[in-house]
Amino acid sequence: MHRNSSHRNLENIHRLSLENGFLLMMRIIPIPLVNNTLMRLVNFISASEPRLFQRLEGHHHKWFVIDATNLPFIICLRPDPKSPRLKASRNRDCPNAACRISGSFLTLLGMIDGRYDGDALFFSRDIYIEGDTEAVVCLRNALDDIDGNIADYVAHFFGKPGKKILNIARKVTPHAHPT
C-alpha cells in the first residue's frame, strides 16, 4: 500500500513539473509567435485530416473557445474547412464565441489524446462546457471519427520535440478518467 502511495505521489510531482514548465514556456513566448504557429498547425491538421472540419457542417462559422485554465491564454478555433482559424488570446475572450470548453491543460490534453472520456470529465466537473452544446458534441464526434487523434497530429507537427513532450505527458496522465 505504501509503495503505491509513493508511486502516485511521484506521478503527481511529475505532472505538476510538466504543467509548470509548460505554463512558464507559454508565458514567455510572444502571442504573435504562438498565433503564427497555431495557424500553421491548423493548416497542417486540415491538410492531414480534411474530413475533420467537413464533419462540423453547420458549425463552420462558429468560434469554439478552448480554455486551458492554467495557461496564460485561451485558444479560439473556427473550423471552416476552406479557411480554418486557430488563434490565442491573452485576454481570455473570443468575440462572438459560440461555446467554451474549459479544464486544466493536462485534462484537455488527455481528452484529445483519447485517454480521458469527455462525458465522464463533464459529469465529474473536470471540464466545463458553456454555450452551444450541440456544436461541442459535433466537435467531439468529429475528433472521435478521425484516424488516430489530434494529440498525435500536434506532436508530429512539432517533430521529435513534440513527440517527446507528448510521451512525457502520457506518462504522467493515467489511461482512465482521473479520480
Protein backbone atom coordinates (compact mmCIF):
# COMPACT_ATOMS: atom_id res chain seq x y z
CA MET A 1 0.00 0.00 0.00
CA HIS A 2 2.77 2.44 0.93
CA ARG A 3 4.61 1.74 -2.33
CA ASN A 4 1.52 2.59 -4.42
CA SER A 5 1.07 5.80 -2.47
CA SER A 6 4.71 6.78 -3.09
CA HIS A 7 4.33 5.97 -6.80
CA ARG A 8 1.17 8.14 -7.01
CA ASN A 9 2.98 11.00 -5.24
CA LEU A 10 5.87 10.74 -7.70
CA GLU A 11 3.41 10.80 -10.63
CA ASN A 12 1.77 13.91 -9.16
CA ILE A 13 5.17 15.62 -8.84
CA HIS A 14 5.97 14.80 -12.50
CA ARG A 15 2.53 16.02 -13.60
CA LEU A 16 2.97 19.32 -11.72
CA SER A 17 6.51 19.76 -13.09
CA LEU A 18 5.29 19.23 -16.66
CA GLU A 19 2.38 21.63 -16.22
CA ASN A 20 4.51 24.29 -14.52
CA GLY A 21 7.24 24.04 -17.17
CA PHE A 22 4.73 24.31 -19.98
CA LEU A 23 3.00 27.24 -18.26
CA LEU A 24 6.29 29.10 -17.86
CA MET A 25 7.18 28.50 -21.50
CA MET A 26 3.75 29.76 -22.65
CA ARG A 27 4.14 32.97 -20.61
CA ILE A 28 7.49 33.72 -22.25
CA ILE A 29 6.53 33.09 -25.89
CA PRO A 30 5.04 36.18 -27.59
CA ILE A 31 1.42 35.82 -28.74
CA PRO A 32 2.22 36.68 -32.39
CA LEU A 33 4.63 33.72 -32.46
CA VAL A 34 2.01 31.49 -30.80
CA ASN A 35 -0.59 32.60 -33.36
CA ASN A 36 1.74 32.02 -36.30
CA THR A 37 2.43 28.52 -35.02
CA LEU A 38 -1.27 27.84 -34.35
CA MET A 39 -2.22 28.88 -37.90
CA ARG A 40 0.45 26.62 -39.38
CA LEU A 41 -0.73 23.83 -37.07
CA VAL A 42 -4.41 24.14 -38.02
CA ASN A 43 -3.47 24.15 -41.72
CA PHE A 44 -1.33 21.03 -41.16
CA ILE A 45 -4.19 19.24 -39.39
CA SER A 46 -6.70 20.37 -42.02
CA ALA A 47 -4.47 19.03 -44.82
CA SER A 48 -3.84 15.77 -42.91
CA GLU A 49 -7.47 15.18 -41.91
CA PRO A 50 -9.72 17.21 -44.25
CA ARG A 51 -12.81 15.32 -43.05
CA LEU A 52 -12.35 16.71 -39.54
CA PHE A 53 -13.66 20.18 -40.33
CA GLN A 54 -16.06 18.93 -43.02
CA ARG A 55 -17.81 16.92 -40.28
CA LEU A 56 -18.60 20.17 -38.49
CA GLU A 57 -21.06 21.25 -41.17
CA GLY A 58 -23.47 23.81 -39.76
CA HIS A 59 -20.84 24.96 -37.28
CA HIS A 60 -18.09 26.11 -39.69
CA HIS A 61 -18.68 29.79 -38.99
CA LYS A 62 -18.71 29.44 -35.19
CA TRP A 63 -15.86 30.18 -32.82
CA PHE A 64 -15.00 27.47 -30.28
CA VAL A 65 -13.02 28.57 -27.22
CA ILE A 66 -10.63 26.04 -25.69
CA ASP A 67 -9.70 27.38 -22.28
CA ALA A 68 -6.85 25.50 -20.61
CA THR A 69 -7.46 27.27 -17.33
CA ASN A 70 -3.86 27.04 -16.12
CA LEU A 71 -2.38 28.52 -19.31
CA PRO A 72 -1.99 32.29 -19.76
CA PHE A 73 -4.23 32.40 -22.85
CA ILE A 74 -7.23 30.78 -24.50
CA ILE A 75 -7.32 29.21 -27.93
CA CYS A 76 -10.07 30.16 -30.38
CA LEU A 77 -10.98 27.78 -33.22
CA ARG A 78 -13.16 28.48 -36.25
CA PRO A 79 -13.44 25.16 -38.12
CA ASP A 80 -14.21 26.46 -41.62
CA PRO A 81 -12.79 23.75 -43.93
CA LYS A 82 -11.94 26.37 -46.58
CA SER A 83 -10.16 28.67 -44.14
CA PRO A 84 -9.74 27.21 -40.65
CA ARG A 85 -8.59 29.60 -37.94
CA LEU A 86 -6.79 28.86 -34.69
CA LYS A 87 -5.57 31.74 -32.55
CA ALA A 88 -4.55 32.52 -28.99
CA SER A 89 -5.79 35.41 -26.90
CA ARG A 90 -4.33 36.53 -23.59
CA ASN A 91 -7.44 38.47 -22.59
CA ARG A 92 -9.30 35.14 -22.27
CA ASP A 93 -12.10 36.34 -24.53
CA CYS A 94 -13.05 35.39 -28.05
CA PRO A 95 -15.64 37.74 -29.54
CA ASN A 96 -18.78 36.01 -30.74
CA ALA A 97 -17.72 32.62 -29.34
CA ALA A 98 -20.47 30.04 -29.69
CA CYS A 99 -19.10 27.79 -26.97
CA ARG A 100 -16.33 27.33 -24.44
CA ILE A 101 -14.62 24.15 -23.25
CA SER A 102 -12.63 24.72 -20.04
CA GLY A 103 -10.34 22.50 -17.98
CA SER A 104 -6.72 22.13 -16.98
CA PHE A 105 -4.13 21.72 -19.72
CA LEU A 106 -3.38 18.06 -18.93
CA THR A 107 -7.08 17.21 -18.61
CA LEU A 108 -7.83 18.69 -22.04
CA LEU A 109 -4.74 17.01 -23.48
CA GLY A 110 -5.83 13.68 -22.01
CA MET A 111 -9.24 14.15 -23.61
CA ILE A 112 -7.96 14.91 -27.13
CA ASP A 113 -5.43 12.10 -26.74
CA GLY A 114 -8.29 9.66 -26.12
CA ARG A 115 -7.05 8.82 -22.63
CA TYR A 116 -9.95 10.54 -20.85
CA ASP A 117 -13.64 10.25 -21.58
CA GLY A 118 -15.17 13.66 -22.30
CA ASP A 119 -18.56 12.72 -20.86
CA ALA A 120 -17.01 11.49 -17.61
CA LEU A 121 -14.92 14.66 -17.38
CA PHE A 122 -18.03 16.79 -17.90
CA PHE A 123 -20.13 14.99 -15.29
CA SER A 124 -17.28 14.99 -12.76
CA ARG A 125 -16.82 18.74 -13.44
CA ASP A 126 -13.20 18.31 -14.52
CA ILE A 127 -14.19 20.16 -17.71
CA TYR A 128 -16.89 22.77 -18.20
CA ILE A 129 -18.95 23.36 -21.32
CA GLU A 130 -20.70 26.67 -21.93
CA GLY A 131 -22.81 27.86 -24.85
CA ASP A 132 -23.74 25.81 -27.91
CA THR A 133 -23.52 22.24 -26.61
CA GLU A 134 -24.64 20.88 -29.98
CA ALA A 135 -21.53 22.41 -31.56
CA VAL A 136 -19.31 20.91 -28.82
CA VAL A 137 -20.84 17.45 -29.31
CA CYS A 138 -20.35 17.79 -33.07
CA LEU A 139 -16.68 18.70 -32.49
CA ARG A 140 -16.20 15.75 -30.15
CA ASN A 141 -17.77 13.36 -32.68
CA ALA A 142 -15.58 14.76 -35.47
CA LEU A 143 -12.48 14.25 -33.30
CA ASP A 144 -13.59 10.69 -32.47
CA ASP A 145 -14.01 9.84 -36.16
CA ILE A 146 -10.52 10.74 -37.40
CA ASP A 147 -7.72 8.24 -37.84
CA GLY A 148 -5.53 8.50 -34.75
CA ASN A 149 -6.01 11.54 -32.54
CA ILE A 150 -5.30 15.24 -32.58
CA ALA A 151 -2.60 14.94 -29.91
CA ASP A 152 -0.57 12.70 -32.26
CA TYR A 153 -1.01 15.18 -35.14
CA VAL A 154 0.18 18.05 -32.94
CA ALA A 155 3.18 16.01 -31.77
CA HIS A 156 4.00 15.07 -35.38
CA PHE A 157 3.78 18.74 -36.41
CA PHE A 158 6.45 19.66 -33.83
CA GLY A 159 8.68 16.72 -34.80
CA LYS A 160 10.92 14.92 -32.31
CA PRO A 161 10.47 17.51 -29.52
CA GLY A 162 6.68 17.32 -29.88
CA LYS A 163 6.68 13.53 -29.77
CA LYS A 164 8.95 13.53 -26.72
CA ILE A 165 6.73 16.02 -24.86
CA LEU A 166 3.61 14.01 -25.71
CA ASN A 167 5.27 10.82 -24.45
CA ILE A 168 6.15 12.55 -21.18
CA ALA A 169 2.60 13.87 -20.85
CA ARG A 170 1.26 10.36 -21.43
CA LYS A 171 3.48 9.00 -18.67
CA VAL A 172 2.13 11.46 -16.11
CA THR A 173 -1.54 11.09 -17.04
CA PRO A 174 -3.35 7.82 -16.36
CA HIS A 175 -5.33 5.99 -19.06
CA ALA A 176 -8.64 6.28 -17.32
CA HIS A 177 -10.58 9.27 -16.11
CA PRO A 178 -8.77 10.87 -13.15
CA THR A 179 -10.39 10.34 -9.78
